[in-house]
């Protein structure tokens, strides 16, 4: 068995899981007729081909150190233009997410979808499991979906997604105090 302890016993270093594309998860999951895709971080090769899959705008939910280290945000801006890529630099810690970090990106996506009928927005984090589903939930709520309906859409189209209760509460608190 190739466990970190077994590797150490054989004089090898434990393998590190580096942030990046998860080969086991599908690249994009489109949410019904909403023109929102949720995914993990696209590889550099895939960024160049996202437009072929209907993506016109991107919301990157990876933290500042992650995008600085991997260069994915810069690659997305180079491919799509800075005005078509928003950054919501969230840490995935399972605690309340401050709206100052993500709300502008949620508004960006909602406005693009409302104003451009042919737009397709990819919302991604590292694995497409927690941060990007939270932001997709926020966008759906901004677009008029009830909480249960928004959650059901996210969870049914992105089966590996998890809507962290603290993240959902962050969205709902923000919506309750924001004039839309």
C-alpha atoms as a PDB file:
ATOM      1  CA  UNK A   1       0.000   0.000   0.000  1.00  0.00           C
ATOM      2  CA  UNK A   2       1.325   3.400  -0.950  1.00  0.00           C
ATOM      3  CA  UNK A   3       0.582   5.435   2.196  1.00  0.00           C
ATOM      4  CA  UNK A   4       2.720   8.344   3.423  1.00  0.00           C
ATOM      5  CA  UNK A   5       3.934   6.124   6.274  1.00  0.00           C
ATOM      6  CA  UNK A   6       4.799   3.299   3.848  1.00  0.00           C
ATOM      7  CA  UNK A   7       6.674   5.657   1.565  1.00  0.00           C
ATOM      8  CA  UNK A   8       8.674   7.005   4.531  1.00  0.00           C
ATOM      9  CA  UNK A   9       9.503   3.472   5.657  1.00  0.00           C
ATOM     10  CA  UNK A  10      10.957   2.776   2.200  1.00  0.00           C
ATOM     11  CA  UNK A  11      13.014   5.983   2.362  1.00  0.00           C
ATOM     12  CA  UNK A  12      10.773   7.898  -0.035  1.00  0.00           C
ATOM     13  CA  UNK A  13       9.124  11.276   0.488  1.00  0.00           C
ATOM     14  CA  UNK A  14       5.322  11.329   0.868  1.00  0.00           C
ATOM     15  CA  UNK A  15       3.473  12.444  -2.231  1.00  0.00           C
ATOM     16  CA  UNK A  16       1.998  15.916  -2.097  1.00  0.00           C
ATOM     17  CA  UNK A  17      -1.415  16.669  -3.557  1.00  0.00           C
ATOM     18  CA  UNK A  18      -0.806  19.820  -5.554  1.00  0.00           C
ATOM     19  CA  UNK A  19      -3.698  22.152  -6.286  1.00  0.00           C
ATOM     20  CA  UNK A  20      -4.816  21.874  -9.846  1.00  0.00           C
ATOM     21  CA  UNK A  21      -7.101  20.001 -12.205  1.00  0.00           C
ATOM     22  CA  UNK A  22      -8.725  16.883 -10.813  1.00  0.00           C
ATOM     23  CA  UNK A  23      -8.583  14.242 -13.527  1.00  0.00           C
ATOM     24  CA  UNK A  24     -11.290  12.232 -11.758  1.00  0.00           C
ATOM     25  CA  UNK A  25     -13.926  14.936 -12.018  1.00  0.00           C
ATOM     26  CA  UNK A  26     -15.623  16.174 -15.177  1.00  0.00           C
ATOM     27  CA  UNK A  27     -14.272  19.434 -16.526  1.00  0.00           C
ATOM     28  CA  UNK A  28     -17.607  21.293 -16.668  1.00  0.00           C
ATOM     29  CA  UNK A  29     -21.154  20.684 -15.481  1.00  0.00           C
ATOM     30  CA  UNK A  30     -23.703  23.065 -17.015  1.00  0.00           C
ATOM     31  CA  UNK A  31     -26.650  23.909 -14.770  1.00  0.00           C
ATOM     32  CA  UNK A  32     -29.751  23.221 -16.832  1.00  0.00           C
ATOM     33  CA  UNK A  33     -30.794  26.209 -18.917  1.00  0.00           C
ATOM     34  CA  UNK A  34     -29.034  28.699 -16.629  1.00  0.00           C
ATOM     35  CA  UNK A  35     -25.882  29.115 -18.773  1.00  0.00           C
ATOM     36  CA  UNK A  36     -23.744  28.546 -15.657  1.00  0.00           C
ATOM     37  CA  UNK A  37     -21.046  25.880 -15.632  1.00  0.00           C
ATOM     38  CA  UNK A  38     -19.330  24.654 -12.475  1.00  0.00           C
ATOM     39  CA  UNK A  39     -15.951  22.994 -12.619  1.00  0.00           C
ATOM     40  CA  UNK A  40     -12.516  22.522 -11.199  1.00  0.00           C
ATOM     41  CA  UNK A  41      -9.573  24.611 -12.320  1.00  0.00           C
ATOM     42  CA  UNK A  42      -9.099  24.086 -16.059  1.00  0.00           C
ATOM     43  CA  UNK A  43      -5.683  23.014 -17.254  1.00  0.00           C
ATOM     44  CA  UNK A  44      -3.718  25.453 -19.398  1.00  0.00           C
ATOM     45  CA  UNK A  45      -4.583  23.316 -22.442  1.00  0.00           C
ATOM     46  CA  UNK A  46      -8.286  23.424 -21.594  1.00  0.00           C
ATOM     47  CA  UNK A  47      -8.418  27.211 -20.991  1.00  0.00           C
ATOM     48  CA  UNK A  48      -7.732  27.766 -24.682  1.00  0.00           C
ATOM     49  CA  UNK A  49     -10.651  25.454 -25.580  1.00  0.00           C
ATOM     50  CA  UNK A  50     -13.266  26.710 -23.101  1.00  0.00           C
ATOM     51  CA  UNK A  51     -14.877  28.986 -25.700  1.00  0.00           C
ATOM     52  CA  UNK A  52     -15.582  25.894 -27.826  1.00  0.00           C
ATOM     53  CA  UNK A  53     -17.654  24.584 -24.897  1.00  0.00           C
ATOM     54  CA  UNK A  54     -19.776  27.738 -24.687  1.00  0.00           C
ATOM     55  CA  UNK A  55     -17.812  29.631 -22.042  1.00  0.00           C
ATOM     56  CA  UNK A  56     -17.685  33.391 -22.628  1.00  0.00           C
ATOM     57  CA  UNK A  57     -16.872  34.552 -19.065  1.00  0.00           C
ATOM     58  CA  UNK A  58     -15.097  33.039 -16.055  1.00  0.00           C
ATOM     59  CA  UNK A  59     -15.331  33.462 -12.294  1.00  0.00           C
ATOM     60  CA  UNK A  60     -12.229  32.054 -10.598  1.00  0.00           C
ATOM     61  CA  UNK A  61     -12.869  31.216  -6.913  1.00  0.00           C
ATOM     62  CA  UNK A  62      -9.323  30.166  -6.029  1.00  0.00           C
ATOM     63  CA  UNK A  63      -7.377  31.998  -3.349  1.00  0.00           C
ATOM     64  CA  UNK A  64      -4.692  34.557  -4.167  1.00  0.00           C
ATOM     65  CA  UNK A  65      -1.797  32.210  -3.293  1.00  0.00           C
ATOM     66  CA  UNK A  66      -3.319  29.452  -5.467  1.00  0.00           C
ATOM     67  CA  UNK A  67      -3.680  31.661  -8.553  1.00  0.00           C
ATOM     68  CA  UNK A  68      -0.293  33.279  -8.004  1.00  0.00           C
ATOM     69  CA  UNK A  69       1.387  29.891  -7.742  1.00  0.00           C
ATOM     70  CA  UNK A  70      -0.378  28.216 -10.673  1.00  0.00           C
ATOM     71  CA  UNK A  71      -0.936  31.172 -12.997  1.00  0.00           C
ATOM     72  CA  UNK A  72      -4.472  30.050 -13.886  1.00  0.00           C
ATOM     73  CA  UNK A  73      -6.086  33.479 -13.370  1.00  0.00           C
ATOM     74  CA  UNK A  74      -3.494  35.132 -15.601  1.00  0.00           C
ATOM     75  CA  UNK A  75      -4.003  32.460 -18.270  1.00  0.00           C
ATOM     76  CA  UNK A  76      -7.782  32.979 -18.159  1.00  0.00           C
ATOM     77  CA  UNK A  77      -7.418  36.749 -18.483  1.00  0.00           C
ATOM     78  CA  UNK A  78      -4.995  36.313 -21.371  1.00  0.00           C
ATOM     79  CA  UNK A  79      -7.408  33.981 -23.181  1.00  0.00           C
ATOM     80  CA  UNK A  80     -10.696  35.815 -22.499  1.00  0.00           C
ATOM     81  CA  UNK A  81      -9.652  39.379 -21.656  1.00  0.00           C
ATOM     82  CA  UNK A  82      -9.572  40.918 -18.184  1.00  0.00           C
ATOM     83  CA  UNK A  83     -13.136  42.262 -18.539  1.00  0.00           C
ATOM     84  CA  UNK A  84     -14.516  38.745 -18.973  1.00  0.00           C
ATOM     85  CA  UNK A  85     -12.837  37.178 -15.942  1.00  0.00           C
ATOM     86  CA  UNK A  86     -13.719  37.908 -12.316  1.00  0.00           C
ATOM     87  CA  UNK A  87     -11.810  36.759  -9.244  1.00  0.00           C
ATOM     88  CA  UNK A  88     -13.432  35.738  -5.958  1.00  0.00           C
ATOM     89  CA  UNK A  89     -10.310  34.887  -3.916  1.00  0.00           C
ATOM     90  CA  UNK A  90     -11.847  32.569  -1.309  1.00  0.00           C
ATOM     91  CA  UNK A  91     -10.139  30.216   1.080  1.00  0.00           C
ATOM     92  CA  UNK A  92     -11.926  26.878   1.468  1.00  0.00           C
ATOM     93  CA  UNK A  93     -12.059  26.720   5.262  1.00  0.00           C
ATOM     94  CA  UNK A  94     -15.692  25.767   5.859  1.00  0.00           C
ATOM     95  CA  UNK A  95     -16.383  28.980   7.805  1.00  0.00           C
ATOM     96  CA  UNK A  96     -18.366  32.088   6.875  1.00  0.00           C
ATOM     97  CA  UNK A  97     -17.223  33.621   3.602  1.00  0.00           C
ATOM     98  CA  UNK A  98     -16.967  37.415   3.740  1.00  0.00           C
ATOM     99  CA  UNK A  99     -19.021  39.058   0.973  1.00  0.00           C
ATOM    100  CA  UNK A 100     -16.163  41.505   0.337  1.00  0.00           C
ATOM    101  CA  UNK A 101     -14.294  38.568  -1.178  1.00  0.00           C
ATOM    102  CA  UNK A 102     -17.001  37.056  -3.424  1.00  0.00           C
ATOM    103  CA  UNK A 103     -20.052  39.346  -3.816  1.00  0.00           C
ATOM    104  CA  UNK A 104     -18.665  41.451  -6.687  1.00  0.00           C
ATOM    105  CA  UNK A 105     -17.912  38.271  -8.657  1.00  0.00           C
ATOM    106  CA  UNK A 106     -21.446  36.955  -8.049  1.00  0.00           C
ATOM    107  CA  UNK A 107     -22.911  40.267  -9.244  1.00  0.00           C
ATOM    108  CA  UNK A 108     -20.594  40.198 -12.279  1.00  0.00           C
ATOM    109  CA  UNK A 109     -21.850  36.743 -13.294  1.00  0.00           C
ATOM    110  CA  UNK A 110     -25.513  37.616 -12.711  1.00  0.00           C
ATOM    111  CA  UNK A 111     -25.194  40.837 -14.738  1.00  0.00           C
ATOM    112  CA  UNK A 112     -23.453  39.048 -17.612  1.00  0.00           C
ATOM    113  CA  UNK A 113     -26.171  36.390 -17.743  1.00  0.00           C
ATOM    114  CA  UNK A 114     -28.930  39.005 -17.624  1.00  0.00           C
ATOM    115  CA  UNK A 115     -27.398  41.365 -20.154  1.00  0.00           C
ATOM    116  CA  UNK A 116     -25.953  38.906 -22.673  1.00  0.00           C
ATOM    117  CA  UNK A 117     -28.358  36.194 -23.800  1.00  0.00           C
ATOM    118  CA  UNK A 118     -25.601  34.150 -25.466  1.00  0.00           C
ATOM    119  CA  UNK A 119     -23.196  34.302 -22.505  1.00  0.00           C
ATOM    120  CA  UNK A 120     -21.987  31.189 -20.697  1.00  0.00           C
ATOM    121  CA  UNK A 121     -20.246  31.664 -17.340  1.00  0.00           C
ATOM    122  CA  UNK A 122     -17.796  29.121 -15.926  1.00  0.00           C
ATOM    123  CA  UNK A 123     -17.484  29.317 -12.149  1.00  0.00           C
ATOM    124  CA  UNK A 124     -14.552  27.277 -10.880  1.00  0.00           C
ATOM    125  CA  UNK A 125     -12.357  26.659  -7.859  1.00  0.00           C
ATOM    126  CA  UNK A 126      -9.752  23.932  -7.471  1.00  0.00           C
ATOM    127  CA  UNK A 127     -12.004  20.866  -7.581  1.00  0.00           C
ATOM    128  CA  UNK A 128     -15.440  22.378  -8.153  1.00  0.00           C
ATOM    129  CA  UNK A 129     -16.725  20.967  -4.883  1.00  0.00           C
ATOM    130  CA  UNK A 130     -17.295  23.787  -2.366  1.00  0.00           C
ATOM    131  CA  UNK A 131     -16.341  27.340  -3.352  1.00  0.00           C
ATOM    132  CA  UNK A 132     -17.610  27.361  -6.939  1.00  0.00           C
ATOM    133  CA  UNK A 133     -20.927  25.701  -5.986  1.00  0.00           C
ATOM    134  CA  UNK A 134     -21.353  28.399  -3.324  1.00  0.00           C
ATOM    135  CA  UNK A 135     -20.807  31.147  -5.883  1.00  0.00           C
ATOM    136  CA  UNK A 136     -23.128  29.449  -8.404  1.00  0.00           C
ATOM    137  CA  UNK A 137     -25.745  29.278  -5.633  1.00  0.00           C
ATOM    138  CA  UNK A 138     -25.303  33.027  -5.029  1.00  0.00           C
ATOM    139  CA  UNK A 139     -25.697  33.787  -8.745  1.00  0.00           C
ATOM    140  CA  UNK A 140     -28.861  31.683  -8.944  1.00  0.00           C
ATOM    141  CA  UNK A 141     -30.255  33.488  -5.891  1.00  0.00           C
ATOM    142  CA  UNK A 142     -29.451  36.850  -7.502  1.00  0.00           C
ATOM    143  CA  UNK A 143     -31.301  35.671 -10.604  1.00  0.00           C
ATOM    144  CA  UNK A 144     -34.467  35.056  -8.584  1.00  0.00           C
ATOM    145  CA  UNK A 145     -34.311  31.398  -7.605  1.00  0.00           C
ATOM    146  CA  UNK A 146     -35.588  30.458  -4.146  1.00  0.00           C
ATOM    147  CA  UNK A 147     -32.988  28.993  -1.754  1.00  0.00           C
ATOM    148  CA  UNK A 148     -34.195  25.388  -2.127  1.00  0.00           C
ATOM    149  CA  UNK A 149     -34.455  25.648  -5.893  1.00  0.00           C
ATOM    150  CA  UNK A 150     -30.967  27.172  -6.233  1.00  0.00           C
ATOM    151  CA  UNK A 151     -29.483  24.464  -4.008  1.00  0.00           C
ATOM    152  CA  UNK A 152     -31.275  21.701  -5.908  1.00  0.00           C
ATOM    153  CA  UNK A 153     -29.993  23.011  -9.246  1.00  0.00           C
ATOM    154  CA  UNK A 154     -26.396  23.183  -8.055  1.00  0.00           C
ATOM    155  CA  UNK A 155     -26.451  19.768  -6.364  1.00  0.00           C
ATOM    156  CA  UNK A 156     -28.282  17.951  -9.143  1.00  0.00           C
ATOM    157  CA  UNK A 157     -26.053  19.176 -11.979  1.00  0.00           C
ATOM    158  CA  UNK A 158     -22.735  19.074 -10.094  1.00  0.00           C
ATOM    159  CA  UNK A 159     -23.046  15.794  -8.179  1.00  0.00           C
ATOM    160  CA  UNK A 160     -19.677  16.167  -6.425  1.00  0.00           C
ATOM    161  CA  UNK A 161     -20.711  19.597  -5.112  1.00  0.00           C
ATOM    162  CA  UNK A 162     -21.201  20.266  -1.429  1.00  0.00           C
ATOM    163  CA  UNK A 163     -23.074  23.354  -0.286  1.00  0.00           C
ATOM    164  CA  UNK A 164     -21.308  24.085   2.998  1.00  0.00           C
ATOM    165  CA  UNK A 165     -23.927  25.405   5.471  1.00  0.00           C
ATOM    166  CA  UNK A 166     -21.706  28.307   6.592  1.00  0.00           C
ATOM    167  CA  UNK A 167     -21.196  29.338   2.959  1.00  0.00           C
ATOM    168  CA  UNK A 168     -24.945  29.238   2.228  1.00  0.00           C
ATOM    169  CA  UNK A 169     -25.622  31.309   5.364  1.00  0.00           C
ATOM    170  CA  UNK A 170     -23.057  33.844   4.111  1.00  0.00           C
ATOM    171  CA  UNK A 171     -24.965  34.209   0.857  1.00  0.00           C
ATOM    172  CA  UNK A 172     -28.348  34.467   2.555  1.00  0.00           C
ATOM    173  CA  UNK A 173     -27.114  37.055   5.092  1.00  0.00           C
ATOM    174  CA  UNK A 174     -25.623  39.125   2.299  1.00  0.00           C
ATOM    175  CA  UNK A 175     -28.819  38.936   0.238  1.00  0.00           C
ATOM    176  CA  UNK A 176     -30.896  39.983   3.261  1.00  0.00           C
ATOM    177  CA  UNK A 177     -28.816  43.145   3.692  1.00  0.00           C
ATOM    178  CA  UNK A 178     -28.250  44.014   0.016  1.00  0.00           C
ATOM    179  CA  UNK A 179     -30.601  46.021  -2.152  1.00  0.00           C
ATOM    180  CA  UNK A 180     -30.861  44.166  -5.456  1.00  0.00           C
END
